[in-house]
């Protein structure tokens, strides 16, 4: 639920109205937008760093190949067997 109310900024009613598949599509869209924004920033950084270092840098050299997700992995559920 955290990603629904946090990153996706859904209201409780919107979150409840989505099927699991629709929610997954929203999450995948968020990941693509986030990856694309991260790649754009890395491209700008590569231009600046490349000009200062006198080397040809690319965004892929700075952040790795595109397509990797920028979303953090959720924490493992806690076992409360006390």
Foldseek 3Di string as FASTA:
>chain_A
DCCVCPVVVHDPVRVVPDDPVRVVVSVVVSQVVVLVVLQVVLQVVQVVVCVVVVHRDHSCVVPNDGDDGPDDDDDDDDDDPD
